[in-house]
Protein backbone atom coordinates (compact mmCIF):
# COMPACT_ATOMS: atom_id res chain seq x y z
CA UNK A 1 218.41 49.98 -125.86
CA UNK A 2 219.07 51.11 -122.34
CA UNK A 3 216.07 50.79 -119.63
CA UNK A 4 216.09 52.46 -116.20
CA UNK A 5 215.90 49.04 -113.76
CA UNK A 6 214.16 48.73 -110.44
CA UNK A 7 215.22 47.29 -107.46
CA UNK A 8 215.68 42.94 -107.90
CA UNK A 9 212.70 41.04 -106.81
CA UNK A 10 215.56 38.87 -104.94
CA UNK A 11 218.02 41.26 -103.74
CA UNK A 12 218.23 42.09 -100.35
CA UNK A 13 218.41 46.04 -98.71
CA UNK A 14 221.36 47.47 -96.68
CA UNK A 15 218.72 49.62 -95.00
CA UNK A 16 214.93 48.39 -94.13
CA UNK A 17 212.35 50.44 -96.17
CA UNK A 18 210.30 52.97 -94.50
CA UNK A 19 206.53 52.21 -95.31
CA UNK A 20 205.66 56.00 -94.77
CA UNK A 21 207.73 56.66 -97.61
CA UNK A 22 205.88 54.50 -99.86
CA UNK A 23 202.49 56.78 -99.13
CA UNK A 24 202.82 60.22 -100.64
CA UNK A 25 202.22 62.98 -98.65
CA UNK A 26 199.01 64.09 -100.28
CA UNK A 27 197.56 60.57 -100.01
CA UNK A 28 194.01 60.24 -99.17
CA UNK A 29 195.12 57.56 -96.28
CA UNK A 30 196.76 60.57 -94.54
CA UNK A 31 194.24 62.60 -93.87
CA UNK A 32 192.13 59.46 -92.45
CA UNK A 33 195.13 58.77 -90.02
CA UNK A 34 195.22 62.14 -89.24
CA UNK A 35 191.72 62.19 -88.08
CA UNK A 36 191.49 59.30 -86.53
CA UNK A 37 194.36 59.95 -84.39
CA UNK A 38 192.99 63.20 -83.02
CA UNK A 39 189.68 61.58 -81.97
CA UNK A 40 189.33 60.06 -78.62
CA UNK A 41 187.13 57.07 -79.49
CA UNK A 42 186.02 56.19 -76.11
CA UNK A 43 184.56 59.53 -75.22
CA UNK A 44 182.63 59.26 -78.66
CA UNK A 45 181.10 55.81 -77.61
CA UNK A 46 182.87 53.28 -79.49
CA UNK A 47 183.91 49.98 -78.33
CA UNK A 48 185.89 47.25 -79.32
CA UNK A 49 185.51 43.55 -80.30
CA UNK A 50 186.26 42.32 -76.79
CA UNK A 51 184.96 40.00 -74.23
CA UNK A 52 187.87 39.63 -71.80
CA UNK A 53 188.67 36.44 -72.70
CA UNK A 54 190.92 34.62 -75.71
CA UNK A 55 193.22 36.47 -77.93
CA UNK A 56 193.47 40.47 -77.46
CA UNK A 57 191.35 42.48 -79.78
CA UNK A 58 192.12 45.23 -82.71
CA UNK A 59 192.39 48.61 -81.20
CA UNK A 60 189.21 50.82 -82.03
CA UNK A 61 191.26 53.38 -83.94
CA UNK A 62 192.81 50.56 -86.42
CA UNK A 63 189.38 49.20 -87.36
CA UNK A 64 187.85 52.89 -87.93
CA UNK A 65 191.02 53.36 -89.99
CA UNK A 66 190.12 50.35 -92.26
CA UNK A 67 186.30 51.57 -92.55
CA UNK A 68 186.64 55.30 -93.28
CA UNK A 69 189.74 54.70 -95.76
CA UNK A 70 187.10 51.53 -97.23
CA UNK A 71 184.64 53.84 -97.98
CA UNK A 72 186.83 56.55 -99.30
CA UNK A 73 187.62 54.55 -102.02
CA UNK A 74 183.98 53.52 -102.71
CA UNK A 75 184.54 49.84 -100.92
CA UNK A 76 182.32 48.48 -98.14
CA UNK A 77 182.63 45.16 -98.88
CA UNK A 78 184.24 43.60 -95.40
CA UNK A 79 185.72 40.72 -97.30
CA UNK A 80 187.19 42.83 -99.51
CA UNK A 81 188.58 45.21 -97.29
CA UNK A 82 189.99 42.04 -95.47
CA UNK A 83 191.81 41.41 -98.78
CA UNK A 84 193.41 45.22 -98.85
CA UNK A 85 195.23 44.55 -95.72
CA UNK A 86 197.33 42.39 -97.50
CA UNK A 87 197.67 43.64 -100.97
CA UNK A 88 197.26 47.61 -100.88
CA UNK A 89 200.13 49.75 -99.44
CA UNK A 90 197.45 52.33 -98.03
CA UNK A 91 195.51 49.79 -95.64
CA UNK A 92 198.76 48.42 -94.55
CA UNK A 93 200.51 51.43 -93.64
CA UNK A 94 196.92 52.46 -91.86
CA UNK A 95 196.88 49.12 -89.63
CA UNK A 96 200.53 49.03 -89.32
CA UNK A 97 200.22 45.37 -91.24
CA UNK A 98 197.45 44.18 -89.17
CA UNK A 99 194.77 41.97 -90.41
CA UNK A 100 191.67 41.68 -89.31
CA UNK A 101 189.30 39.33 -90.63
CA UNK A 102 186.33 40.39 -92.43
CA UNK A 103 183.82 39.06 -89.92
CA UNK A 104 185.30 41.29 -86.96
CA UNK A 105 185.13 44.63 -89.49
CA UNK A 106 181.57 44.02 -89.91
CA UNK A 107 181.08 43.46 -86.26
CA UNK A 108 183.07 46.81 -85.62
CA UNK A 109 180.95 48.37 -88.14
CA UNK A 110 177.60 46.84 -86.80
CA UNK A 111 178.17 47.31 -83.13
CA UNK A 112 179.74 51.24 -83.28
CA UNK A 113 176.73 52.76 -84.87
CA UNK A 114 176.61 55.50 -81.54
CA UNK A 115 180.09 56.35 -82.15
CA UNK A 116 179.99 56.45 -85.95
CA UNK A 117 176.85 59.05 -85.97
CA UNK A 118 179.29 61.35 -83.80
CA UNK A 119 182.33 61.31 -86.38
CA UNK A 120 180.60 64.13 -88.79
CA UNK A 121 180.70 66.33 -85.75
CA UNK A 122 184.29 65.95 -85.27
CA UNK A 123 185.02 66.42 -88.96
CA UNK A 124 183.85 70.28 -88.53
CA UNK A 125 186.56 70.77 -86.07
CA UNK A 126 189.19 69.69 -87.96
CA UNK A 127 187.44 72.15 -90.74
CA UNK A 128 187.56 74.98 -87.94
CA UNK A 129 191.34 73.63 -87.45
CA UNK A 130 192.38 74.87 -90.80
CA UNK A 131 191.10 78.33 -90.99
CA UNK A 132 187.39 77.78 -92.04
CA UNK A 133 184.23 79.50 -90.63
CA UNK A 134 180.29 78.99 -90.83
CA UNK A 135 179.08 82.29 -91.79
CA UNK A 136 174.94 81.28 -91.17
CA UNK A 137 173.54 80.48 -94.13
CA UNK A 138 173.10 76.71 -94.91
CA UNK A 139 172.00 74.95 -98.40
CA UNK A 140 169.70 71.58 -97.20
CA UNK A 141 168.89 68.62 -100.15
CA UNK A 142 168.29 65.48 -99.92
CA UNK A 143 168.19 62.10 -101.93
CA UNK A 144 166.59 58.68 -102.36
CA UNK A 145 169.44 55.71 -101.37
CA UNK A 146 168.32 52.21 -101.97
CA UNK A 147 168.00 49.72 -99.24
CA UNK A 148 169.78 46.96 -98.69
CA UNK A 149 166.18 44.63 -99.49
CA UNK A 150 165.05 43.12 -102.39
CA UNK A 151 162.27 44.53 -104.24
CA UNK A 152 160.44 41.79 -104.71
CA UNK A 153 160.55 40.19 -101.01
CA UNK A 154 157.82 41.70 -99.81
CA UNK A 155 154.55 41.09 -97.96
CA UNK A 156 151.37 42.60 -99.83
CA UNK A 157 147.78 42.52 -98.72
CA UNK A 158 147.01 40.37 -101.15
CA UNK A 159 149.56 37.75 -99.89
CA UNK A 160 147.97 38.25 -96.30
CA UNK A 161 144.85 37.32 -97.69
CA UNK A 162 146.08 34.56 -99.54
CA UNK A 163 148.18 33.13 -96.35
CA UNK A 164 144.67 33.28 -94.66
CA UNK A 165 143.02 31.26 -97.27
CA UNK A 166 145.49 28.66 -97.36
CA UNK A 167 145.39 28.48 -93.55
CA UNK A 168 141.39 27.96 -93.83
CA UNK A 169 141.95 25.47 -96.50
CA UNK A 170 144.93 23.54 -94.48
CA UNK A 171 142.52 23.32 -91.64
CA UNK A 172 139.40 22.08 -93.49
CA UNK A 173 141.59 19.41 -94.63
CA UNK A 174 142.84 18.71 -91.52
CA UNK A 175 139.38 18.32 -89.90
CA UNK A 176 138.50 15.92 -92.81
CA UNK A 177 141.54 13.89 -92.34
CA UNK A 178 141.22 13.63 -88.86
CA UNK A 179 137.51 12.42 -89.09
CA UNK A 180 138.63 9.79 -91.65
CA UNK A 181 141.56 8.69 -89.27
CA UNK A 182 138.95 8.34 -86.68
CA UNK A 183 136.82 5.99 -88.67
CA UNK A 184 139.58 3.50 -88.88
CA UNK A 185 141.67 3.80 -85.92
CA UNK A 186 139.76 5.45 -83.27
CA UNK A 187 140.27 8.23 -81.47
CA UNK A 188 143.94 8.00 -80.86
CA UNK A 189 145.27 8.96 -84.06
CA UNK A 190 147.84 11.63 -84.73
CA UNK A 191 146.09 14.84 -85.76
CA UNK A 192 146.85 15.90 -89.25
CA UNK A 193 147.21 19.30 -88.30
CA UNK A 194 148.00 19.92 -84.47
CA UNK A 195 146.63 22.81 -82.70
CA UNK A 196 150.01 24.32 -81.76
CA UNK A 197 151.19 24.40 -85.64
CA UNK A 198 147.59 26.40 -86.59
CA UNK A 199 149.05 28.93 -83.82
CA UNK A 200 152.21 29.48 -85.09
CA UNK A 201 150.89 29.87 -88.44
CA UNK A 202 147.95 32.38 -87.23
CA UNK A 203 150.87 34.44 -85.11
CA UNK A 204 152.93 34.88 -88.40
CA UNK A 205 149.84 36.12 -90.53
CA UNK A 206 149.05 38.70 -87.48
CA UNK A 207 152.65 40.01 -87.30
CA UNK A 208 152.80 40.51 -90.97
CA UNK A 209 149.29 42.14 -90.69
CA UNK A 210 150.84 44.74 -87.83
CA UNK A 211 154.17 45.33 -90.02
CA UNK A 212 151.86 45.85 -92.89
CA UNK A 213 149.54 48.80 -90.87
CA UNK A 214 152.75 50.46 -89.14
CA UNK A 215 154.19 50.45 -92.57
CA UNK A 216 151.14 52.93 -93.95
CA UNK A 217 152.09 51.31 -97.35
CA UNK A 218 150.56 48.76 -99.58
CA UNK A 219 154.04 46.70 -99.13
CA UNK A 220 156.42 45.61 -96.29
CA UNK A 221 159.78 44.35 -97.03
CA UNK A 222 161.08 41.02 -95.52
CA UNK A 223 164.49 41.89 -95.42
CA UNK A 224 164.25 45.93 -94.03
CA UNK A 225 160.97 46.50 -92.69
CA UNK A 226 161.56 50.31 -92.00
CA UNK A 227 162.83 50.67 -95.60
CA UNK A 228 159.67 52.43 -97.61
CA UNK A 229 159.00 52.25 -101.39
CA UNK A 230 160.29 55.63 -102.73
CA UNK A 231 160.41 57.20 -106.16
CA UNK A 232 163.95 58.09 -107.85
CA UNK A 233 164.54 60.94 -109.73
CA UNK A 234 165.83 60.26 -113.38
CA UNK A 235 162.62 57.76 -114.33
CA UNK A 236 164.35 54.82 -112.25
CA UNK A 237 161.00 54.28 -110.63
CA UNK A 238 160.29 53.25 -107.04
CA UNK A 239 162.24 50.65 -105.02
CA UNK A 240 162.64 50.09 -101.57
CA UNK A 241 164.65 53.33 -99.94
CA UNK A 242 165.63 55.75 -97.56
CA UNK A 243 165.17 59.75 -97.77
CA UNK A 244 168.85 61.03 -97.04
CA UNK A 245 169.72 64.00 -95.71
CA UNK A 246 172.26 66.65 -95.61
CA UNK A 247 172.92 70.63 -95.02
CA UNK A 248 175.95 72.28 -96.50
CA UNK A 249 177.77 75.47 -96.01
CA UNK A 250 178.77 77.88 -99.32
CA UNK A 251 182.14 75.36 -99.58
CA UNK A 252 180.09 72.46 -99.66
CA UNK A 253 180.97 70.98 -95.91
CA UNK A 254 178.35 68.81 -94.45
CA UNK A 255 177.06 70.57 -91.50
CA UNK A 256 174.95 67.82 -90.39
CA UNK A 257 173.44 64.65 -92.00
CA UNK A 258 170.08 62.46 -91.43
CA UNK A 259 168.07 59.86 -92.97
CA UNK A 260 164.31 59.60 -92.94
CA UNK A 261 161.50 57.40 -93.98
CA UNK A 262 159.00 60.35 -94.91
CA UNK A 263 158.65 62.75 -97.70
CA UNK A 264 160.48 66.05 -98.07
CA UNK A 265 157.52 68.31 -98.16
CA UNK A 266 157.07 67.22 -94.25
CA UNK A 267 157.61 70.70 -92.71
CA UNK A 268 159.19 68.67 -89.55
CA UNK A 269 162.33 68.03 -92.46
CA UNK A 270 162.86 71.90 -92.85
CA UNK A 271 163.05 72.81 -89.35
CA UNK A 272 165.07 69.22 -88.53
CA UNK A 273 167.79 70.85 -91.11
CA UNK A 274 168.02 74.12 -89.06
CA UNK A 275 168.09 72.39 -85.57
CA UNK A 276 170.27 69.77 -87.10
CA UNK A 277 173.26 72.62 -87.97
CA UNK A 278 172.83 74.58 -85.15
CA UNK A 279 173.36 71.15 -82.71
CA UNK A 280 176.57 70.49 -84.72
CA UNK A 281 178.04 73.84 -85.05
CA UNK A 282 176.44 75.75 -81.93
CA UNK A 283 175.95 78.78 -83.75
CA UNK A 284 172.25 80.09 -85.24
CA UNK A 285 171.46 79.84 -88.65
CA UNK A 286 171.01 82.94 -90.41
CA UNK A 287 169.36 81.52 -93.67
CA UNK A 288 168.35 78.09 -94.81
CA UNK A 289 168.34 77.62 -98.58
CA UNK A 290 166.05 74.88 -99.95
CA UNK A 291 164.39 73.27 -103.02
CA UNK A 292 160.66 74.03 -103.31
CA UNK A 293 160.29 69.71 -102.49
CA UNK A 294 160.85 71.23 -98.77
CA UNK A 295 158.11 74.18 -98.79
CA UNK A 296 155.71 73.60 -95.83
CA UNK A 297 153.74 76.78 -94.83
CA UNK A 298 153.82 76.33 -91.28
CA UNK A 299 157.65 74.95 -91.02
CA UNK A 300 158.64 78.18 -93.28
CA UNK A 301 156.44 80.76 -90.63
CA UNK A 302 158.00 79.15 -87.87
CA UNK A 303 161.72 79.58 -89.00
CA UNK A 304 161.42 83.19 -89.91
CA UNK A 305 159.64 83.80 -86.36
CA UNK A 306 162.50 82.41 -85.24
CA UNK A 307 164.83 85.27 -86.71
CA UNK A 308 166.06 83.39 -89.89
CA UNK A 309 165.69 83.68 -93.30
CA UNK A 310 163.99 81.09 -95.10
CA UNK A 311 164.52 81.00 -99.09
CA UNK A 312 162.57 77.72 -100.10
CA UNK A 313 159.83 78.83 -103.04
CA UNK A 314 156.14 77.20 -103.00
CA UNK A 315 155.79 74.75 -106.14
CA UNK A 316 156.05 76.38 -109.29
CA UNK A 317 152.88 74.86 -110.50
CA UNK A 318 150.79 76.20 -107.41
CA UNK A 319 152.14 79.66 -107.68
CA UNK A 320 152.04 79.90 -111.36
CA UNK A 321 148.79 78.67 -111.40
CA UNK A 322 147.44 81.39 -109.07
CA UNK A 323 149.16 84.42 -110.97
CA UNK A 324 146.38 83.99 -113.43
CA UNK A 325 143.75 85.28 -111.04
CA UNK A 326 143.99 88.73 -110.23
CA UNK A 327 142.94 90.11 -106.51
CA UNK A 328 140.69 93.10 -106.30
CA UNK A 329 141.28 94.27 -102.45
CA UNK A 330 138.08 96.64 -102.41
CA UNK A 331 135.96 93.67 -103.45
CA UNK A 332 137.92 91.00 -102.09
CA UNK A 333 137.62 89.10 -105.34
CA UNK A 334 139.71 87.29 -107.76
CA UNK A 335 139.23 87.66 -111.42
CA UNK A 336 140.28 84.84 -113.83
CA UNK A 337 141.81 85.10 -117.55
CA UNK A 338 138.39 85.28 -118.98
CA UNK A 339 136.95 88.24 -116.60
CA UNK A 340 135.12 86.32 -114.43
CA UNK A 341 134.99 86.47 -110.81
CA UNK A 342 135.54 84.32 -108.10
CA UNK A 343 134.26 85.29 -105.01
CA UNK A 344 135.25 84.63 -101.23
CA UNK A 345 133.16 81.31 -99.83
CA UNK A 346 134.44 80.80 -96.54
CA UNK A 347 137.63 79.03 -95.01
CA UNK A 348 139.02 75.44 -95.08
CA UNK A 349 141.79 73.92 -92.52
CA UNK A 350 144.43 71.53 -93.54
CA UNK A 351 147.75 70.40 -92.27
CA UNK A 352 147.23 72.77 -89.41
CA UNK A 353 147.00 75.90 -91.74
CA UNK A 354 143.71 77.81 -92.51
CA UNK A 355 143.17 78.57 -96.31
CA UNK A 356 140.54 81.25 -97.51
CA UNK A 357 138.15 79.81 -100.37
CA UNK A 358 137.36 81.87 -103.74
CA UNK A 359 135.03 79.92 -105.91
CA UNK A 360 133.60 80.87 -109.00
CA UNK A 361 129.65 80.31 -110.38
CA UNK A 362 129.46 76.88 -111.81
CA UNK A 363 127.92 78.46 -114.86
CA UNK A 364 130.56 80.33 -115.80
CA UNK A 365 133.39 77.66 -115.76
CA UNK A 366 131.15 75.22 -117.47
CA UNK A 367 130.30 77.80 -120.87
CA UNK A 368 134.13 78.73 -120.42
CA UNK A 369 136.31 78.03 -123.37
CA UNK A 370 139.41 76.86 -120.70
CA UNK A 371 137.38 74.47 -119.15
CA UNK A 372 139.18 71.20 -119.14
CA UNK A 373 142.35 73.26 -118.48
CA UNK A 374 141.46 75.48 -115.96
CA UNK A 375 138.14 74.05 -114.16
CA UNK A 376 138.75 70.28 -114.38
CA UNK A 377 135.20 69.38 -112.81
CA UNK A 378 132.23 67.56 -114.13
CA UNK A 379 129.72 69.89 -113.16
CA UNK A 380 129.20 67.92 -109.86
CA UNK A 381 130.07 70.58 -107.20
CA UNK A 382 128.30 73.68 -106.20
CA UNK A 383 130.63 75.83 -107.40
CA UNK A 384 133.38 76.24 -110.63
CA UNK A 385 136.90 76.52 -110.16
CA UNK A 386 137.97 77.01 -106.64
CA UNK A 387 141.58 78.39 -105.42
CA UNK A 388 143.01 78.43 -102.02
CA UNK A 389 144.64 81.58 -100.47
CA UNK A 390 146.84 81.12 -97.59
CA UNK A 391 144.97 83.30 -94.91
CA UNK A 392 148.01 85.31 -93.42
CA UNK A 393 148.16 87.12 -96.87
CA UNK A 394 150.18 89.90 -95.13
CA UNK A 395 152.77 87.14 -94.54
CA UNK A 396 152.63 85.70 -98.16
CA UNK A 397 153.41 88.84 -99.30
CA UNK A 398 156.62 89.88 -97.14
CA UNK A 399 157.76 85.83 -97.95
CA UNK A 400 157.60 86.50 -101.45
CA UNK A 401 159.54 89.55 -101.45
CA UNK A 402 162.40 87.69 -98.95
CA UNK A 403 162.30 85.22 -102.16
CA UNK A 404 162.75 87.96 -104.45
CA UNK A 405 165.85 89.73 -102.92
CA UNK A 406 167.33 86.26 -102.16
CA UNK A 407 167.27 85.22 -105.90
CA UNK A 408 170.84 84.74 -106.58
CA UNK A 409 171.73 83.07 -103.52
CA UNK A 410 169.10 80.81 -104.22
CA UNK A 411 170.44 80.12 -107.74
CA UNK A 412 173.48 79.46 -105.92
CA UNK A 413 171.94 76.21 -104.60
CA UNK A 414 172.55 73.68 -107.41
CA UNK A 415 176.35 74.40 -107.71
CA UNK A 416 176.94 74.10 -104.06
CA UNK A 417 174.85 71.31 -102.27
CA UNK A 418 173.91 69.04 -105.66
CA UNK A 419 177.29 68.32 -106.44
CA UNK A 420 177.86 67.18 -102.95
CA UNK A 421 175.58 64.41 -103.49
CA UNK A 422 176.59 63.77 -106.96
CA UNK A 423 180.26 62.97 -105.31
CA UNK A 424 178.69 60.83 -102.92
CA UNK A 425 177.08 58.48 -105.56
CA UNK A 426 179.19 58.84 -108.30
CA UNK A 427 183.20 59.49 -106.75
CA UNK A 428 182.64 57.24 -103.57
CA UNK A 429 180.02 54.79 -105.10
CA UNK A 430 177.08 54.81 -102.42
CA UNK A 431 173.97 54.31 -104.33
CA UNK A 432 172.54 51.63 -102.03
CA UNK A 433 173.09 51.00 -97.94
CA UNK A 434 174.81 48.03 -96.69
CA UNK A 435 173.18 47.60 -93.53
CA UNK A 436 169.68 47.25 -92.69
CA UNK A 437 167.30 49.04 -90.33
CA UNK A 438 166.81 53.23 -89.91
CA UNK A 439 169.23 53.55 -87.18
CA UNK A 440 172.00 51.68 -88.63
CA UNK A 441 171.24 53.06 -92.11
CA UNK A 442 171.64 56.46 -90.31
CA UNK A 443 175.04 55.52 -89.25
CA UNK A 444 175.98 54.62 -92.15
CA UNK A 445 174.97 57.71 -93.68
CA UNK A 446 177.20 59.73 -90.88
CA UNK A 447 179.80 57.60 -92.10
CA UNK A 448 179.91 58.40 -95.98
CA UNK A 449 179.22 62.14 -95.04
CA UNK A 450 182.30 62.22 -92.96
CA UNK A 451 184.14 60.48 -95.44
CA UNK A 452 183.22 63.24 -98.01
CA UNK A 453 184.03 66.05 -95.49
CA UNK A 454 187.94 64.53 -94.99
CA UNK A 455 188.12 64.26 -98.65
CA UNK A 456 187.04 67.90 -98.83
CA UNK A 457 189.26 68.89 -96.18
CA UNK A 458 192.10 67.18 -97.86
CA UNK A 459 191.57 69.30 -100.67
CA UNK A 460 191.48 72.66 -98.98
CA UNK A 461 194.64 71.81 -96.86
CA UNK A 462 196.19 70.72 -100.41
CA UNK A 463 195.14 73.80 -102.23
CA UNK A 464 196.19 76.48 -98.91
CA UNK A 465 199.75 74.41 -99.34
CA UNK A 466 199.79 75.92 -103.16
CA UNK A 467 199.09 79.19 -102.66
């Protein structure tokens, strides 16, 4: 049976092949090439690995193409990227058959965090260039990304205590040994534990104590001190991680990205999303949509007072719980499901907010059939069940109306922003940072979000060409 035959492996070609013909027009490497060639890397702060001595360095363009294309294929190992420059046609085409070694690749990534942080903004220029516009609506979300640190390589309070006890024991043993040596050899013997050795141990213990205090946690990583133990969704437990943030438009293009170590309910996080988008797009945000984990009353109020809509619902457990209590405006009281009154008993301040506190009589709650479900106290308090209502009730009522009118928009959030995080973690295989320290981690997050945008813009271009 006859088969289609290819070119013989040892056969010479009359005309040399053109490498570009081996890379399809719609290949992902093409968007990387186009993007990097459009940048003025010097102006963005990129530095070459060049000390003006010895052999010339590789251009920043070549290094950036290797790293961007590597991340687009889920490859972050500098050693593997080096190998690819020899046996992967896309790398060979992008580098023009240059082969930087893995140390050069790793050093470029480490030394150019400033320039890499600017890349995401540059993708937005490309986005506009292919005919897209920002309509002022953003969808924000966050995800936990594992730190480049071993969960077991940490120092805890008990470890410091053990070190202190060991140091004290070593000191006593040294003093005992020195006295025994004095009796045998006089006072000219070598000290078992020299004073400078003891100072080194004490200094190291003091450093660990300071790190633990500054971390505000019960453990601090020895490999990446700025990482924190964070709870991962899906029952994966707590691990040393960073809280990665993004905001996207309605088409899922990432408009801003950041990495923090604080929790999502910190009000600054929501305000930072708005601020970040306005800085990157140079346009005002009209609406910010985020899940209830971002809700913080002061932040929401400040965003709305700034002329923007904020569609961030309160925690469902809080809201549903308070729905069981009906307000009587004339008497300024609340009534529970069992018909008992909760009277106004005063104000309470917390996190910069003032709450009105309403409480039931203790005897009413202790004899109630819902004790243990509604009132979970043990009767030690002066009052029974208490609820706290934000003092600015007028604002809260208007905010509920905003949420109700924008319910359809909020429901779209899951299908817009969550798939972006899913793609980054699954398709781009980015679940763990390769770099260490908050600033370098921020740079790497900007790198992977830049790659995501490039692949998204590539799809927009391909779809546009088809229509």
